[in-house]
């Protein structure tokens, strides 16, 4: 186990290097000049020259990359060209918001999608199966923006149970925080639950036809024990992969949902940074997102071993 973790951690270094190189290179393909954006409408040549020198924009791209990497390794992602704030502070402000929203969404997705997929596989061909598949079709087909608007209309306008928009940090008031994020979390979790249900159902159907499941039943084990202890543990492997990828997608910023519910998360930050040609913010956010993706894949690999003992060898 420790050797496996050591190998995976060593593999992260070249992966992050190539990711950082790709991020920095593609960023400079965006049209527009950040120095002109910062200079404002007057665009005094002296001011533009001073900006280029201050932010190393007058240096060749490889030199700019070296300066950027040195800063990243020391925890300095640069300064936002628009807000005049360190990118590290912007990420520290926005990432916890999206992490809370993504965590709630993935929990909702697991609580709905996995049980529905198991029931659908066990009750194949029955009303339970058709109902679960109908739910999956509805979840995949329903646009997030439409579902979000309908939830706001029902629970905020008609019933008055939940706030229509805004965000309250957990540290200020955890009840108000949950109330402000439960609807956007359900909107995001609904679509993921539908995908998880289909994958869980497919994996369970395959596992239920395997020899060791038939052997377990032949030994006289209860159907509950066969399903939960034998079939489900082996069927969860592809579901873990999917869950890790979906969580990474959520953490990278659910732009549309955050806009509908006025959630100040990662999605709005990256969109604003791209439109404003805020290079430092784009690079910092994308690198953080890539690091999260890689870390989640490592966690998923560890979860494989914990769920399936045969992989420990």
C-alpha atoms as a PDB file:
ATOM      1  CA  UNK A   1       0.000   0.000   0.000  1.00  0.00           C
ATOM      2  CA  UNK A   2       2.754   2.463   0.945  1.00  0.00           C
ATOM      3  CA  UNK A   3       4.783   1.555  -2.148  1.00  0.00           C
ATOM      4  CA  UNK A   4       1.721   2.139  -4.300  1.00  0.00           C
ATOM      5  CA  UNK A   5       1.127   5.560  -2.742  1.00  0.00           C
ATOM      6  CA  UNK A   6       4.797   6.485  -3.149  1.00  0.00           C
ATOM      7  CA  UNK A   7       4.726   5.583  -6.865  1.00  0.00           C
ATOM      8  CA  UNK A   8       1.561   7.589  -7.442  1.00  0.00           C
ATOM      9  CA  UNK A   9       2.909  10.633  -5.623  1.00  0.00           C
ATOM     10  CA  UNK A  10       6.102  10.504  -7.699  1.00  0.00           C
ATOM     11  CA  UNK A  11       3.944  10.368 -10.852  1.00  0.00           C
ATOM     12  CA  UNK A  12       2.188  13.577  -9.803  1.00  0.00           C
ATOM     13  CA  UNK A  13       5.334  15.678 -10.269  1.00  0.00           C
ATOM     14  CA  UNK A  14       5.760  15.295 -14.077  1.00  0.00           C
ATOM     15  CA  UNK A  15       1.999  15.440 -14.524  1.00  0.00           C
ATOM     16  CA  UNK A  16       1.742  18.778 -12.735  1.00  0.00           C
ATOM     17  CA  UNK A  17       4.751  20.052 -14.672  1.00  0.00           C
ATOM     18  CA  UNK A  18       3.170  19.334 -18.050  1.00  0.00           C
ATOM     19  CA  UNK A  19      -0.165  20.709 -16.837  1.00  0.00           C
ATOM     20  CA  UNK A  20       1.484  23.954 -15.725  1.00  0.00           C
ATOM     21  CA  UNK A  21       3.313  24.201 -19.063  1.00  0.00           C
ATOM     22  CA  UNK A  22       0.084  23.650 -20.967  1.00  0.00           C
ATOM     23  CA  UNK A  23      -1.829  26.174 -18.844  1.00  0.00           C
ATOM     24  CA  UNK A  24       0.815  28.875 -19.294  1.00  0.00           C
ATOM     25  CA  UNK A  25       1.154  28.266 -23.040  1.00  0.00           C
ATOM     26  CA  UNK A  26      -2.547  28.211 -23.859  1.00  0.00           C
ATOM     27  CA  UNK A  27      -3.147  31.299 -21.729  1.00  0.00           C
ATOM     28  CA  UNK A  28      -0.936  33.357 -24.046  1.00  0.00           C
ATOM     29  CA  UNK A  29      -2.984  32.253 -27.065  1.00  0.00           C
ATOM     30  CA  UNK A  30      -5.944  34.292 -25.804  1.00  0.00           C
ATOM     31  CA  UNK A  31      -6.473  37.471 -27.811  1.00  0.00           C
ATOM     32  CA  UNK A  32      -5.846  40.802 -26.141  1.00  0.00           C
ATOM     33  CA  UNK A  33      -3.041  42.444 -24.208  1.00  0.00           C
ATOM     34  CA  UNK A  34      -3.345  42.526 -20.403  1.00  0.00           C
ATOM     35  CA  UNK A  35      -1.084  45.581 -20.236  1.00  0.00           C
ATOM     36  CA  UNK A  36      -3.543  47.551 -22.389  1.00  0.00           C
ATOM     37  CA  UNK A  37      -6.433  46.395 -20.211  1.00  0.00           C
ATOM     38  CA  UNK A  38      -4.679  47.543 -17.052  1.00  0.00           C
ATOM     39  CA  UNK A  39      -3.662  50.859 -18.574  1.00  0.00           C
ATOM     40  CA  UNK A  40      -7.282  51.925 -18.950  1.00  0.00           C
ATOM     41  CA  UNK A  41      -8.766  54.125 -21.614  1.00  0.00           C
ATOM     42  CA  UNK A  42      -5.933  56.677 -21.798  1.00  0.00           C
ATOM     43  CA  UNK A  43      -3.258  54.053 -22.455  1.00  0.00           C
ATOM     44  CA  UNK A  44      -0.254  56.233 -21.748  1.00  0.00           C
ATOM     45  CA  UNK A  45       2.825  54.581 -23.353  1.00  0.00           C
ATOM     46  CA  UNK A  46       4.868  55.219 -20.206  1.00  0.00           C
ATOM     47  CA  UNK A  47       2.238  53.515 -18.050  1.00  0.00           C
ATOM     48  CA  UNK A  48       2.018  50.570 -20.438  1.00  0.00           C
ATOM     49  CA  UNK A  49       5.812  50.171 -20.391  1.00  0.00           C
ATOM     50  CA  UNK A  50       5.845  50.311 -16.594  1.00  0.00           C
ATOM     51  CA  UNK A  51       3.099  47.646 -16.403  1.00  0.00           C
ATOM     52  CA  UNK A  52       4.979  45.371 -18.798  1.00  0.00           C
ATOM     53  CA  UNK A  53       8.116  45.684 -16.711  1.00  0.00           C
ATOM     54  CA  UNK A  54       6.324  45.180 -13.381  1.00  0.00           C
ATOM     55  CA  UNK A  55       4.546  42.002 -14.468  1.00  0.00           C
ATOM     56  CA  UNK A  56       7.445  40.695 -16.608  1.00  0.00           C
ATOM     57  CA  UNK A  57       5.304  40.978 -19.756  1.00  0.00           C
ATOM     58  CA  UNK A  58       8.276  42.444 -21.604  1.00  0.00           C
ATOM     59  CA  UNK A  59      10.237  39.223 -21.132  1.00  0.00           C
ATOM     60  CA  UNK A  60      10.179  36.205 -23.497  1.00  0.00           C
ATOM     61  CA  UNK A  61       7.470  33.663 -22.725  1.00  0.00           C
ATOM     62  CA  UNK A  62       9.917  30.996 -21.394  1.00  0.00           C
ATOM     63  CA  UNK A  63      11.338  33.560 -18.966  1.00  0.00           C
ATOM     64  CA  UNK A  64       7.822  34.541 -17.881  1.00  0.00           C
ATOM     65  CA  UNK A  65       7.087  30.859 -17.277  1.00  0.00           C
ATOM     66  CA  UNK A  66      10.145  30.449 -15.073  1.00  0.00           C
ATOM     67  CA  UNK A  67       9.173  33.479 -12.992  1.00  0.00           C
ATOM     68  CA  UNK A  68       5.633  32.142 -12.655  1.00  0.00           C
ATOM     69  CA  UNK A  69       6.731  28.646 -11.601  1.00  0.00           C
ATOM     70  CA  UNK A  70       9.098  30.092  -9.001  1.00  0.00           C
ATOM     71  CA  UNK A  71       6.235  32.080  -7.559  1.00  0.00           C
ATOM     72  CA  UNK A  72       3.856  29.079  -7.574  1.00  0.00           C
ATOM     73  CA  UNK A  73       6.387  26.888  -5.757  1.00  0.00           C
ATOM     74  CA  UNK A  74       6.643  29.548  -3.058  1.00  0.00           C
ATOM     75  CA  UNK A  75       2.865  29.879  -2.827  1.00  0.00           C
ATOM     76  CA  UNK A  76       2.686  33.097  -4.847  1.00  0.00           C
ATOM     77  CA  UNK A  77       0.297  32.841  -7.825  1.00  0.00           C
ATOM     78  CA  UNK A  78       0.772  36.489  -8.731  1.00  0.00           C
ATOM     79  CA  UNK A  79      -1.571  39.450  -8.482  1.00  0.00           C
ATOM     80  CA  UNK A  80      -4.930  39.927 -10.131  1.00  0.00           C
ATOM     81  CA  UNK A  81      -4.692  42.555 -12.849  1.00  0.00           C
ATOM     82  CA  UNK A  82      -8.278  43.629 -12.205  1.00  0.00           C
ATOM     83  CA  UNK A  83      -8.728  43.446  -8.435  1.00  0.00           C
ATOM     84  CA  UNK A  84      -5.141  44.249  -7.451  1.00  0.00           C
ATOM     85  CA  UNK A  85      -5.347  41.356  -4.977  1.00  0.00           C
ATOM     86  CA  UNK A  86      -3.063  38.332  -4.642  1.00  0.00           C
ATOM     87  CA  UNK A  87      -4.496  35.416  -6.597  1.00  0.00           C
ATOM     88  CA  UNK A  88      -3.897  33.217  -3.562  1.00  0.00           C
ATOM     89  CA  UNK A  89      -6.342  35.311  -1.554  1.00  0.00           C
ATOM     90  CA  UNK A  90      -8.979  35.196  -4.303  1.00  0.00           C
ATOM     91  CA  UNK A  91      -8.694  31.402  -4.483  1.00  0.00           C
ATOM     92  CA  UNK A  92      -8.878  31.161  -0.684  1.00  0.00           C
ATOM     93  CA  UNK A  93     -12.089  33.194  -0.764  1.00  0.00           C
ATOM     94  CA  UNK A  94     -13.865  31.382  -3.585  1.00  0.00           C
ATOM     95  CA  UNK A  95     -12.688  27.775  -3.267  1.00  0.00           C
ATOM     96  CA  UNK A  96     -14.392  27.032   0.107  1.00  0.00           C
ATOM     97  CA  UNK A  97     -17.708  28.227  -1.343  1.00  0.00           C
ATOM     98  CA  UNK A  98     -17.492  25.863  -4.298  1.00  0.00           C
ATOM     99  CA  UNK A  99     -16.138  23.057  -2.082  1.00  0.00           C
ATOM    100  CA  UNK A 100     -19.183  23.312   0.168  1.00  0.00           C
ATOM    101  CA  UNK A 101     -21.551  23.356  -2.808  1.00  0.00           C
ATOM    102  CA  UNK A 102     -19.760  20.476  -4.557  1.00  0.00           C
ATOM    103  CA  UNK A 103     -19.595  18.357  -1.398  1.00  0.00           C
ATOM    104  CA  UNK A 104     -23.313  18.745  -0.774  1.00  0.00           C
ATOM    105  CA  UNK A 105     -24.083  17.986  -4.423  1.00  0.00           C
ATOM    106  CA  UNK A 106     -21.982  14.811  -4.515  1.00  0.00           C
ATOM    107  CA  UNK A 107     -23.500  13.574  -1.232  1.00  0.00           C
ATOM    108  CA  UNK A 108     -26.993  14.101  -2.663  1.00  0.00           C
ATOM    109  CA  UNK A 109     -25.952  12.312  -5.860  1.00  0.00           C
ATOM    110  CA  UNK A 110     -24.585   9.297  -3.969  1.00  0.00           C
ATOM    111  CA  UNK A 111     -27.576   9.073  -1.642  1.00  0.00           C
ATOM    112  CA  UNK A 112     -29.962   9.023  -4.610  1.00  0.00           C
ATOM    113  CA  UNK A 113     -28.017   7.464  -7.468  1.00  0.00           C
ATOM    114  CA  UNK A 114     -26.369   4.430  -5.843  1.00  0.00           C
ATOM    115  CA  UNK A 115     -29.440   3.064  -3.998  1.00  0.00           C
ATOM    116  CA  UNK A 116     -31.568   3.658  -7.108  1.00  0.00           C
ATOM    117  CA  UNK A 117     -29.048   1.781  -9.277  1.00  0.00           C
ATOM    118  CA  UNK A 118     -28.874  -1.155  -6.855  1.00  0.00           C
ATOM    119  CA  UNK A 119     -32.659  -1.429  -6.575  1.00  0.00           C
ATOM    120  CA  UNK A 120     -33.013  -1.164 -10.353  1.00  0.00           C
ATOM    121  CA  UNK A 121     -30.538  -4.008 -10.908  1.00  0.00           C
ATOM    122  CA  UNK A 122     -31.956  -6.266  -8.202  1.00  0.00           C
ATOM    123  CA  UNK A 123     -35.542  -5.615  -9.340  1.00  0.00           C
ATOM    124  CA  UNK A 124     -34.756  -5.842 -13.036  1.00  0.00           C
ATOM    125  CA  UNK A 125     -37.829  -5.802 -15.240  1.00  0.00           C
ATOM    126  CA  UNK A 126     -40.183  -4.637 -12.477  1.00  0.00           C
ATOM    127  CA  UNK A 127     -41.872  -1.306 -11.820  1.00  0.00           C
ATOM    128  CA  UNK A 128     -38.919  -0.356  -9.579  1.00  0.00           C
ATOM    129  CA  UNK A 129     -36.545  -0.814 -12.501  1.00  0.00           C
ATOM    130  CA  UNK A 130     -38.688   1.227 -14.889  1.00  0.00           C
ATOM    131  CA  UNK A 131     -39.147   3.950 -12.293  1.00  0.00           C
ATOM    132  CA  UNK A 132     -35.398   4.216 -11.637  1.00  0.00           C
ATOM    133  CA  UNK A 133     -34.654   4.385 -15.354  1.00  0.00           C
ATOM    134  CA  UNK A 134     -37.328   7.043 -15.790  1.00  0.00           C
ATOM    135  CA  UNK A 135     -35.698   9.063 -13.008  1.00  0.00           C
ATOM    136  CA  UNK A 136     -32.288   8.693 -14.697  1.00  0.00           C
ATOM    137  CA  UNK A 137     -33.706   9.856 -18.015  1.00  0.00           C
ATOM    138  CA  UNK A 138     -35.336  12.841 -16.323  1.00  0.00           C
ATOM    139  CA  UNK A 139     -32.149  13.759 -14.455  1.00  0.00           C
ATOM    140  CA  UNK A 140     -29.947  13.600 -17.534  1.00  0.00           C
ATOM    141  CA  UNK A 141     -32.414  15.474 -19.751  1.00  0.00           C
ATOM    142  CA  UNK A 142     -33.400  18.287 -17.377  1.00  0.00           C
ATOM    143  CA  UNK A 143     -31.367  21.475 -17.910  1.00  0.00           C
ATOM    144  CA  UNK A 144     -29.833  22.790 -14.708  1.00  0.00           C
ATOM    145  CA  UNK A 145     -30.927  26.357 -15.353  1.00  0.00           C
ATOM    146  CA  UNK A 146     -34.590  25.305 -15.794  1.00  0.00           C
ATOM    147  CA  UNK A 147     -34.588  23.127 -12.688  1.00  0.00           C
ATOM    148  CA  UNK A 148     -32.935  25.903 -10.687  1.00  0.00           C
ATOM    149  CA  UNK A 149     -35.549  28.445 -11.757  1.00  0.00           C
ATOM    150  CA  UNK A 150     -38.390  26.027 -10.948  1.00  0.00           C
ATOM    151  CA  UNK A 151     -36.968  25.338  -7.478  1.00  0.00           C
ATOM    152  CA  UNK A 152     -36.648  29.062  -6.805  1.00  0.00           C
ATOM    153  CA  UNK A 153     -40.254  29.607  -7.916  1.00  0.00           C
ATOM    154  CA  UNK A 154     -41.582  26.771  -5.730  1.00  0.00           C
ATOM    155  CA  UNK A 155     -39.514  26.887  -2.544  1.00  0.00           C
ATOM    156  CA  UNK A 156     -38.624  30.588  -2.462  1.00  0.00           C
ATOM    157  CA  UNK A 157     -41.520  32.456  -4.066  1.00  0.00           C
ATOM    158  CA  UNK A 158     -44.519  30.188  -3.482  1.00  0.00           C
ATOM    159  CA  UNK A 159     -43.608  28.492  -0.185  1.00  0.00           C
ATOM    160  CA  UNK A 160     -41.034  30.939   1.155  1.00  0.00           C
ATOM    161  CA  UNK A 161     -38.993  28.148   2.747  1.00  0.00           C
ATOM    162  CA  UNK A 162     -35.578  28.912   1.252  1.00  0.00           C
ATOM    163  CA  UNK A 163     -33.715  32.035   0.063  1.00  0.00           C
ATOM    164  CA  UNK A 164     -33.839  32.562  -3.689  1.00  0.00           C
ATOM    165  CA  UNK A 165     -30.189  33.560  -4.012  1.00  0.00           C
ATOM    166  CA  UNK A 166     -27.071  34.576  -2.141  1.00  0.00           C
ATOM    167  CA  UNK A 167     -24.615  32.747   0.056  1.00  0.00           C
ATOM    168  CA  UNK A 168     -23.960  32.684   3.792  1.00  0.00           C
ATOM    169  CA  UNK A 169     -20.622  31.214   4.985  1.00  0.00           C
ATOM    170  CA  UNK A 170     -20.738  28.223   7.301  1.00  0.00           C
ATOM    171  CA  UNK A 171     -18.666  30.086   9.854  1.00  0.00           C
ATOM    172  CA  UNK A 172     -21.301  32.818  10.177  1.00  0.00           C
ATOM    173  CA  UNK A 173     -24.497  30.772  10.390  1.00  0.00           C
ATOM    174  CA  UNK A 174     -24.520  27.093   9.460  1.00  0.00           C
ATOM    175  CA  UNK A 175     -28.315  26.895   9.223  1.00  0.00           C
ATOM    176  CA  UNK A 176     -28.524  29.879   6.880  1.00  0.00           C
ATOM    177  CA  UNK A 177     -25.562  28.508   4.927  1.00  0.00           C
ATOM    178  CA  UNK A 178     -27.249  25.154   4.345  1.00  0.00           C
ATOM    179  CA  UNK A 179     -30.496  26.906   3.442  1.00  0.00           C
ATOM    180  CA  UNK A 180     -28.718  29.034   0.827  1.00  0.00           C
ATOM    181  CA  UNK A 181     -26.902  26.107  -0.789  1.00  0.00           C
ATOM    182  CA  UNK A 182     -29.355  23.204  -0.608  1.00  0.00           C
ATOM    183  CA  UNK A 183     -31.212  24.156  -3.806  1.00  0.00           C
ATOM    184  CA  UNK A 184     -28.121  24.692  -6.002  1.00  0.00           C
ATOM    185  CA  UNK A 185     -26.594  21.530  -4.513  1.00  0.00           C
ATOM    186  CA  UNK A 186     -29.717  19.547  -5.439  1.00  0.00           C
ATOM    187  CA  UNK A 187     -29.669  20.994  -8.974  1.00  0.00           C
ATOM    188  CA  UNK A 188     -26.075  19.833  -9.435  1.00  0.00           C
ATOM    189  CA  UNK A 189     -26.545  16.530  -7.603  1.00  0.00           C
ATOM    190  CA  UNK A 190     -29.672  15.628  -9.565  1.00  0.00           C
ATOM    191  CA  UNK A 191     -27.859  15.279 -12.878  1.00  0.00           C
ATOM    192  CA  UNK A 192     -24.934  13.394 -11.313  1.00  0.00           C
ATOM    193  CA  UNK A 193     -27.315  11.060  -9.474  1.00  0.00           C
ATOM    194  CA  UNK A 194     -28.867  10.079 -12.792  1.00  0.00           C
ATOM    195  CA  UNK A 195     -25.468   9.180 -14.261  1.00  0.00           C
ATOM    196  CA  UNK A 196     -24.442   7.311 -11.095  1.00  0.00           C
ATOM    197  CA  UNK A 197     -27.692   5.358 -11.174  1.00  0.00           C
ATOM    198  CA  UNK A 198     -27.075   4.127 -14.730  1.00  0.00           C
ATOM    199  CA  UNK A 199     -23.474   3.133 -13.987  1.00  0.00           C
ATOM    200  CA  UNK A 200     -24.391   1.435 -10.706  1.00  0.00           C
ATOM    201  CA  UNK A 201     -27.194  -0.497 -12.381  1.00  0.00           C
ATOM    202  CA  UNK A 202     -24.927  -1.650 -15.213  1.00  0.00           C
ATOM    203  CA  UNK A 203     -22.147  -2.707 -12.827  1.00  0.00           C
ATOM    204  CA  UNK A 204     -24.558  -4.508 -10.485  1.00  0.00           C
ATOM    205  CA  UNK A 205     -26.193  -6.439 -13.311  1.00  0.00           C
ATOM    206  CA  UNK A 206     -22.779  -7.643 -14.450  1.00  0.00           C
ATOM    207  CA  UNK A 207     -21.684  -8.602 -10.940  1.00  0.00           C
ATOM    208  CA  UNK A 208     -24.946 -10.382 -10.094  1.00  0.00           C
ATOM    209  CA  UNK A 209     -24.337 -12.798 -12.982  1.00  0.00           C
ATOM    210  CA  UNK A 210     -20.831 -13.723 -11.795  1.00  0.00           C
ATOM    211  CA  UNK A 211     -19.871 -17.117 -10.393  1.00  0.00           C
ATOM    212  CA  UNK A 212     -19.001 -15.983  -6.874  1.00  0.00           C
ATOM    213  CA  UNK A 213     -22.459 -14.457  -6.426  1.00  0.00           C
ATOM    214  CA  UNK A 214     -24.089 -17.728  -7.479  1.00  0.00           C
ATOM    215  CA  UNK A 215     -21.778 -19.551  -5.064  1.00  0.00           C
ATOM    216  CA  UNK A 216     -22.747 -17.212  -2.227  1.00  0.00           C
ATOM    217  CA  UNK A 217     -26.422 -17.889  -2.899  1.00  0.00           C
ATOM    218  CA  UNK A 218     -25.775 -21.620  -3.100  1.00  0.00           C
ATOM    219  CA  UNK A 219     -24.238 -21.477   0.388  1.00  0.00           C
ATOM    220  CA  UNK A 220     -27.550 -20.261   1.721  1.00  0.00           C
ATOM    221  CA  UNK A 221     -26.574 -16.662   2.424  1.00  0.00           C
ATOM    222  CA  UNK A 222     -29.433 -14.206   2.648  1.00  0.00           C
ATOM    223  CA  UNK A 223     -30.162 -12.113  -0.413  1.00  0.00           C
ATOM    224  CA  UNK A 224     -29.403  -8.964   1.595  1.00  0.00           C
ATOM    225  CA  UNK A 225     -25.951 -10.293   2.472  1.00  0.00           C
ATOM    226  CA  UNK A 226     -25.269 -11.332  -1.122  1.00  0.00           C
ATOM    227  CA  UNK A 227     -26.235  -7.912  -2.453  1.00  0.00           C
ATOM    228  CA  UNK A 228     -24.535  -5.710   0.128  1.00  0.00           C
ATOM    229  CA  UNK A 229     -21.440  -7.713   1.089  1.00  0.00           C
ATOM    230  CA  UNK A 230     -20.546  -9.465  -2.130  1.00  0.00           C
ATOM    231  CA  UNK A 231     -22.067  -7.792  -5.184  1.00  0.00           C
ATOM    232  CA  UNK A 232     -22.122  -4.141  -4.202  1.00  0.00           C
ATOM    233  CA  UNK A 233     -18.476  -3.893  -3.097  1.00  0.00           C
ATOM    234  CA  UNK A 234     -17.245  -5.138  -6.471  1.00  0.00           C
ATOM    235  CA  UNK A 235     -19.751  -3.054  -8.422  1.00  0.00           C
ATOM    236  CA  UNK A 236     -18.637   0.174  -6.729  1.00  0.00           C
ATOM    237  CA  UNK A 237     -15.247   0.334  -8.491  1.00  0.00           C
ATOM    238  CA  UNK A 238     -16.454   2.116 -11.676  1.00  0.00           C
ATOM    239  CA  UNK A 239     -18.819   4.225  -9.575  1.00  0.00           C
ATOM    240  CA  UNK A 240     -15.884   5.484  -7.481  1.00  0.00           C
ATOM    241  CA  UNK A 241     -14.092   6.580 -10.654  1.00  0.00           C
ATOM    242  CA  UNK A 242     -17.150   8.401 -11.899  1.00  0.00           C
ATOM    243  CA  UNK A 243     -17.769  10.021  -8.521  1.00  0.00           C
ATOM    244  CA  UNK A 244     -14.197  11.331  -8.317  1.00  0.00           C
ATOM    245  CA  UNK A 245     -14.384  12.806 -11.824  1.00  0.00           C
ATOM    246  CA  UNK A 246     -17.778  14.396 -11.186  1.00  0.00           C
ATOM    247  CA  UNK A 247     -16.557  15.907  -7.918  1.00  0.00           C
ATOM    248  CA  UNK A 248     -13.570  17.362  -9.732  1.00  0.00           C
ATOM    249  CA  UNK A 249     -15.912  18.857 -12.330  1.00  0.00           C
ATOM    250  CA  UNK A 250     -18.006  20.443  -9.599  1.00  0.00           C
ATOM    251  CA  UNK A 251     -14.941  21.876  -7.863  1.00  0.00           C
ATOM    252  CA  UNK A 252     -13.758  23.423 -11.112  1.00  0.00           C
ATOM    253  CA  UNK A 253     -16.864  25.599 -10.954  1.00  0.00           C
ATOM    254  CA  UNK A 254     -20.515  25.021 -11.769  1.00  0.00           C
ATOM    255  CA  UNK A 255     -20.755  28.283 -13.677  1.00  0.00           C
ATOM    256  CA  UNK A 256     -24.416  28.313 -14.734  1.00  0.00           C
ATOM    257  CA  UNK A 257     -25.809  27.133 -11.402  1.00  0.00           C
ATOM    258  CA  UNK A 258     -23.664  29.590  -9.463  1.00  0.00           C
ATOM    259  CA  UNK A 259     -24.921  32.393 -11.686  1.00  0.00           C
ATOM    260  CA  UNK A 260     -28.592  31.456 -11.214  1.00  0.00           C
ATOM    261  CA  UNK A 261     -28.334  31.330  -7.425  1.00  0.00           C
ATOM    262  CA  UNK A 262     -25.767  34.166  -7.136  1.00  0.00           C
ATOM    263  CA  UNK A 263     -23.194  31.907  -5.489  1.00  0.00           C
ATOM    264  CA  UNK A 264     -19.755  33.616  -5.444  1.00  0.00           C
ATOM    265  CA  UNK A 265     -17.742  30.502  -6.240  1.00  0.00           C
ATOM    266  CA  UNK A 266     -14.960  29.304  -8.528  1.00  0.00           C
ATOM    267  CA  UNK A 267     -17.164  29.360 -11.640  1.00  0.00           C
ATOM    268  CA  UNK A 268     -17.812  33.090 -11.578  1.00  0.00           C
ATOM    269  CA  UNK A 269     -14.173  33.786 -10.726  1.00  0.00           C
ATOM    270  CA  UNK A 270     -12.792  31.944 -13.758  1.00  0.00           C
ATOM    271  CA  UNK A 271     -15.377  33.391 -16.161  1.00  0.00           C
ATOM    272  CA  UNK A 272     -14.668  36.956 -15.039  1.00  0.00           C
ATOM    273  CA  UNK A 273     -10.927  36.343 -15.256  1.00  0.00           C
ATOM    274  CA  UNK A 274     -11.134  35.055 -18.847  1.00  0.00           C
ATOM    275  CA  UNK A 275     -13.273  37.982 -20.015  1.00  0.00           C
ATOM    276  CA  UNK A 276     -10.957  40.503 -18.314  1.00  0.00           C
ATOM    277  CA  UNK A 277      -7.764  38.867 -19.639  1.00  0.00           C
ATOM    278  CA  UNK A 278      -6.655  38.430 -16.030  1.00  0.00           C
ATOM    279  CA  UNK A 279      -3.817  36.024 -16.774  1.00  0.00           C
ATOM    280  CA  UNK A 280      -2.654  35.454 -13.219  1.00  0.00           C
ATOM    281  CA  UNK A 281      -6.139  34.523 -11.981  1.00  0.00           C
ATOM    282  CA  UNK A 282      -6.819  32.177 -14.902  1.00  0.00           C
ATOM    283  CA  UNK A 283      -3.490  30.414 -14.416  1.00  0.00           C
ATOM    284  CA  UNK A 284      -3.923  30.119 -10.656  1.00  0.00           C
ATOM    285  CA  UNK A 285      -7.509  28.833 -10.841  1.00  0.00           C
ATOM    286  CA  UNK A 286      -6.826  26.318 -13.623  1.00  0.00           C
ATOM    287  CA  UNK A 287      -3.681  25.023 -11.901  1.00  0.00           C
ATOM    288  CA  UNK A 288      -5.609  24.645  -8.640  1.00  0.00           C
ATOM    289  CA  UNK A 289      -8.389  22.806 -10.466  1.00  0.00           C
ATOM    290  CA  UNK A 290      -5.895  20.482 -12.180  1.00  0.00           C
ATOM    291  CA  UNK A 291      -4.246  19.724  -8.844  1.00  0.00           C
ATOM    292  CA  UNK A 292      -7.637  18.906  -7.343  1.00  0.00           C
ATOM    293  CA  UNK A 293      -8.423  16.551 -10.255  1.00  0.00           C
ATOM    294  CA  UNK A 294      -5.124  14.716  -9.849  1.00  0.00           C
ATOM    295  CA  UNK A 295      -5.564  14.452  -6.083  1.00  0.00           C
ATOM    296  CA  UNK A 296      -9.098  13.105  -6.470  1.00  0.00           C
ATOM    297  CA  UNK A 297      -7.838  10.449  -8.870  1.00  0.00           C
ATOM    298  CA  UNK A 298      -5.265   9.405  -6.268  1.00  0.00           C
ATOM    299  CA  UNK A 299      -8.008   9.215  -3.624  1.00  0.00           C
ATOM    300  CA  UNK A 300     -10.116   7.136  -6.027  1.00  0.00           C
ATOM    301  CA  UNK A 301      -7.241   4.662  -6.499  1.00  0.00           C
ATOM    302  CA  UNK A 302      -6.925   4.325  -2.723  1.00  0.00           C
ATOM    303  CA  UNK A 303     -10.676   3.783  -2.461  1.00  0.00           C
ATOM    304  CA  UNK A 304     -10.422   0.950  -5.033  1.00  0.00           C
ATOM    305  CA  UNK A 305      -8.032  -0.913  -2.746  1.00  0.00           C
ATOM    306  CA  UNK A 306     -10.191  -0.338   0.316  1.00  0.00           C
ATOM    307  CA  UNK A 307     -13.376  -1.490  -1.446  1.00  0.00           C
ATOM    308  CA  UNK A 308     -11.889  -4.411  -3.390  1.00  0.00           C
ATOM    309  CA  UNK A 309      -9.367  -6.459  -1.340  1.00  0.00           C
ATOM    310  CA  UNK A 310      -8.205  -8.329  -4.464  1.00  0.00           C
ATOM    311  CA  UNK A 311      -6.469  -5.163  -5.691  1.00  0.00           C
ATOM    312  CA  UNK A 312      -4.231  -5.044  -2.602  1.00  0.00           C
ATOM    313  CA  UNK A 313      -1.958  -7.626  -4.153  1.00  0.00           C
END
